C-alpha cells in the first residue's frame, strides 16, 4: 500500500465515523425534542378526571375554575384549552397537596426527583395506598405524573 492509499482510507474512515456520530446525535436531538414537545402537551383522560374529582383532598386543592375544567374533561365536553387547563390543574393540585403534607414527604420527594424520573416514580408508588398524595398520584395518570416530576425537577 502506498502512502496516499493509507491517507485516503484514514480520511474515509474519519468521515464515516463523523457522519455516523452526527446522525446518531441528530436522532437523539429529535427524540429529546419530541419528548419535550409531548411533555408540554399533557392531557388528562375522562376516567382520570373523574377519579381525580372523587377524592375530597384533591378536590380541595382545585380552584373553582380548575374544578370546572377538570369536570368538563370528566364529562367529555372539554375544549382543547380546557384539556390543557385540566392537566395543568392536576399537576398544580398534586404539587400543592405534596407541599401541604410537607416535612419528610416533601423532602424525600424532592430528593427522589433530583435523582431521576425512575426514582421519583418509585418513591411516589412506594407511599402507602391510603395516603392522600398516593391516591392523587395514581388518579392523575402517567402524563401528569411526568409533568409533576419535570416541574419539581425544574425548581430545584
Protein backbone atom coordinates (compact mmCIF):
# COMPACT_ATOMS: atom_id res chain seq x y z
CA UNK A 1 0.00 0.00 0.00
CA UNK A 2 1.14 3.43 -0.82
CA UNK A 3 1.10 6.40 1.46
CA UNK A 4 -1.78 8.04 -0.46
CA UNK A 5 -3.90 4.91 -0.18
CA UNK A 6 -3.45 4.88 3.61
CA UNK A 7 -4.30 8.58 3.83
CA UNK A 8 -7.45 8.12 1.73
CA UNK A 9 -8.51 5.17 3.90
CA UNK A 10 -7.96 7.20 7.07
CA UNK A 11 -9.90 10.18 5.71
CA UNK A 12 -12.74 7.91 4.58
CA UNK A 13 -12.86 6.23 7.98
CA UNK A 14 -12.91 9.58 9.78
CA UNK A 15 -15.68 10.85 7.52
CA UNK A 16 -17.74 7.71 8.13
CA UNK A 17 -17.30 7.98 11.89
CA UNK A 18 -18.11 11.69 11.86
CA UNK A 19 -21.23 11.27 9.73
CA UNK A 20 -22.32 8.24 11.73
CA UNK A 21 -21.91 10.07 15.03
CA UNK A 22 -23.65 13.12 13.62
CA UNK A 23 -26.62 11.04 12.50
CA UNK A 24 -26.85 9.46 15.95
CA UNK A 25 -26.72 12.86 17.61
CA UNK A 26 -29.37 14.18 15.26
CA UNK A 27 -31.65 11.29 16.14
CA UNK A 28 -31.03 11.83 19.85
CA UNK A 29 -31.78 15.53 19.44
CA UNK A 30 -35.03 14.74 17.64
CA UNK A 31 -36.03 12.27 20.36
CA UNK A 32 -35.31 14.84 23.07
CA UNK A 33 -37.28 17.46 21.17
CA UNK A 34 -40.20 15.06 20.74
CA UNK A 35 -40.13 14.21 24.46
CA UNK A 36 -40.09 17.92 25.37
CA UNK A 37 -42.95 18.68 22.99
CA UNK A 38 -45.04 15.83 24.36
CA UNK A 39 -44.31 16.94 27.92
CA UNK A 40 -45.74 20.38 27.23
CA UNK A 41 -48.93 18.91 25.75
CA UNK A 42 -50.04 16.92 28.77
CA UNK A 43 -53.61 15.67 28.81
CA UNK A 44 -55.96 14.13 31.33
CA UNK A 45 -58.38 11.37 30.34
CA UNK A 46 -62.04 11.39 31.34
CA UNK A 47 -61.54 8.45 33.70
CA UNK A 48 -58.55 10.10 35.33
CA UNK A 49 -60.52 13.34 35.73
CA UNK A 50 -63.45 11.52 37.35
CA UNK A 51 -61.10 9.72 39.75
CA UNK A 52 -59.33 12.97 40.47
CA UNK A 53 -62.60 14.72 41.34
CA UNK A 54 -63.76 11.80 43.52
CA UNK A 55 -61.01 12.44 46.07
CA UNK A 56 -62.07 15.18 48.52
CA UNK A 57 -58.47 16.05 49.46
CA UNK A 58 -57.54 16.57 45.83
CA UNK A 59 -60.73 18.45 45.03
CA UNK A 60 -59.95 20.82 47.90
CA UNK A 61 -56.72 21.80 46.12
CA UNK A 62 -58.58 22.90 42.97
CA UNK A 63 -59.92 26.39 42.48
CA UNK A 64 -63.42 26.88 41.06
CA UNK A 65 -62.05 27.44 37.54
CA UNK A 66 -59.78 24.40 37.83
CA UNK A 67 -62.67 22.25 39.03
CA UNK A 68 -64.76 23.43 36.10
CA UNK A 69 -62.12 22.44 33.54
CA UNK A 70 -61.49 19.05 35.18
CA UNK A 71 -65.25 18.42 35.33
CA UNK A 72 -65.55 19.28 31.61
CA UNK A 73 -62.88 16.67 30.84
CA UNK A 74 -64.63 14.15 33.09
CA UNK A 75 -67.92 14.76 31.27
CA UNK A 76 -66.24 14.51 27.86
CA UNK A 77 -67.26 18.04 26.85
CA UNK A 78 -63.91 19.78 27.16
CA UNK A 79 -62.33 22.03 24.57
CA UNK A 80 -58.59 21.84 23.81
CA UNK A 81 -57.95 24.73 26.18
CA UNK A 82 -59.92 23.00 28.93
CA UNK A 83 -57.99 19.78 28.34
CA UNK A 84 -54.69 21.59 28.79
CA UNK A 85 -56.08 23.52 31.75
CA UNK A 86 -57.31 20.34 33.42
CA UNK A 87 -53.91 18.68 33.12
CA UNK A 88 -52.22 21.79 34.45
CA UNK A 89 -54.71 21.91 37.30
CA UNK A 90 -53.97 18.29 38.14
CA UNK A 91 -50.24 18.98 38.30
CA UNK A 92 -50.84 22.07 40.42
CA UNK A 93 -53.16 20.19 42.79
CA UNK A 94 -50.68 17.35 43.22
CA UNK A 95 -47.86 19.80 43.85
CA UNK A 96 -49.89 21.75 46.42
CA UNK A 97 -51.00 18.54 48.12
CA UNK A 98 -47.40 17.41 48.43
CA UNK A 99 -46.37 20.80 49.79
CA UNK A 100 -49.20 20.74 52.32
CA UNK A 101 -48.14 17.32 53.62
CA UNK A 102 -44.63 18.78 53.71
CA UNK A 103 -41.92 17.61 56.05
CA UNK A 104 -40.34 14.27 55.29
CA UNK A 105 -42.66 13.53 52.36
CA UNK A 106 -41.73 16.76 50.58
CA UNK A 107 -38.01 16.47 51.30
CA UNK A 108 -37.89 12.84 50.18
CA UNK A 109 -39.94 13.61 47.05
CA UNK A 110 -37.59 16.43 46.03
CA UNK A 111 -34.57 14.22 46.70
CA UNK A 112 -36.08 11.46 44.57
CA UNK A 113 -36.99 13.93 41.81
CA UNK A 114 -33.39 15.12 41.65
CA UNK A 115 -32.27 11.50 41.27
CA UNK A 116 -34.36 10.98 38.15
CA UNK A 117 -37.78 10.04 36.88
CA UNK A 118 -37.49 6.38 37.88
CA UNK A 119 -36.52 7.17 41.47
CA UNK A 120 -39.31 9.74 41.79
CA UNK A 121 -41.92 7.38 40.38
CA UNK A 122 -40.66 4.61 42.67
CA UNK A 123 -40.85 6.87 45.71
CA UNK A 124 -44.38 8.02 44.91
CA UNK A 125 -45.55 4.47 44.15
CA UNK A 126 -43.98 3.38 47.45
CA UNK A 127 -46.24 5.59 49.55
CA UNK A 128 -48.96 3.72 51.47
CA UNK A 129 -52.06 3.04 49.37
CA UNK A 130 -54.24 5.10 51.72
CA UNK A 131 -52.05 8.23 51.67
CA UNK A 132 -53.86 11.19 50.04
CA UNK A 133 -50.84 12.06 47.90
CA UNK A 134 -50.61 8.47 46.64
CA UNK A 135 -54.33 8.45 45.82
CA UNK A 136 -53.96 11.65 43.81
CA UNK A 137 -50.76 10.33 42.20
CA UNK A 138 -52.47 7.20 40.92
CA UNK A 139 -55.55 9.12 39.80
CA UNK A 140 -53.52 11.60 37.80
CA UNK A 141 -52.03 9.16 35.29
CA UNK A 142 -48.65 8.92 33.63
CA UNK A 143 -48.53 12.17 31.68
CA UNK A 144 -49.48 14.30 34.68
CA UNK A 145 -47.06 12.36 36.87
CA UNK A 146 -44.22 13.04 34.44
CA UNK A 147 -45.21 16.72 34.22
CA UNK A 148 -45.14 16.95 38.03
CA UNK A 149 -41.67 15.41 38.11
CA UNK A 150 -40.49 17.82 35.41
CA UNK A 151 -41.89 20.77 37.32
CA UNK A 152 -40.33 19.78 40.65
CA UNK A 153 -37.06 18.97 38.92
CA UNK A 154 -37.01 22.39 37.24
CA UNK A 155 -37.45 24.16 40.59
CA UNK A 156 -34.51 22.58 42.34
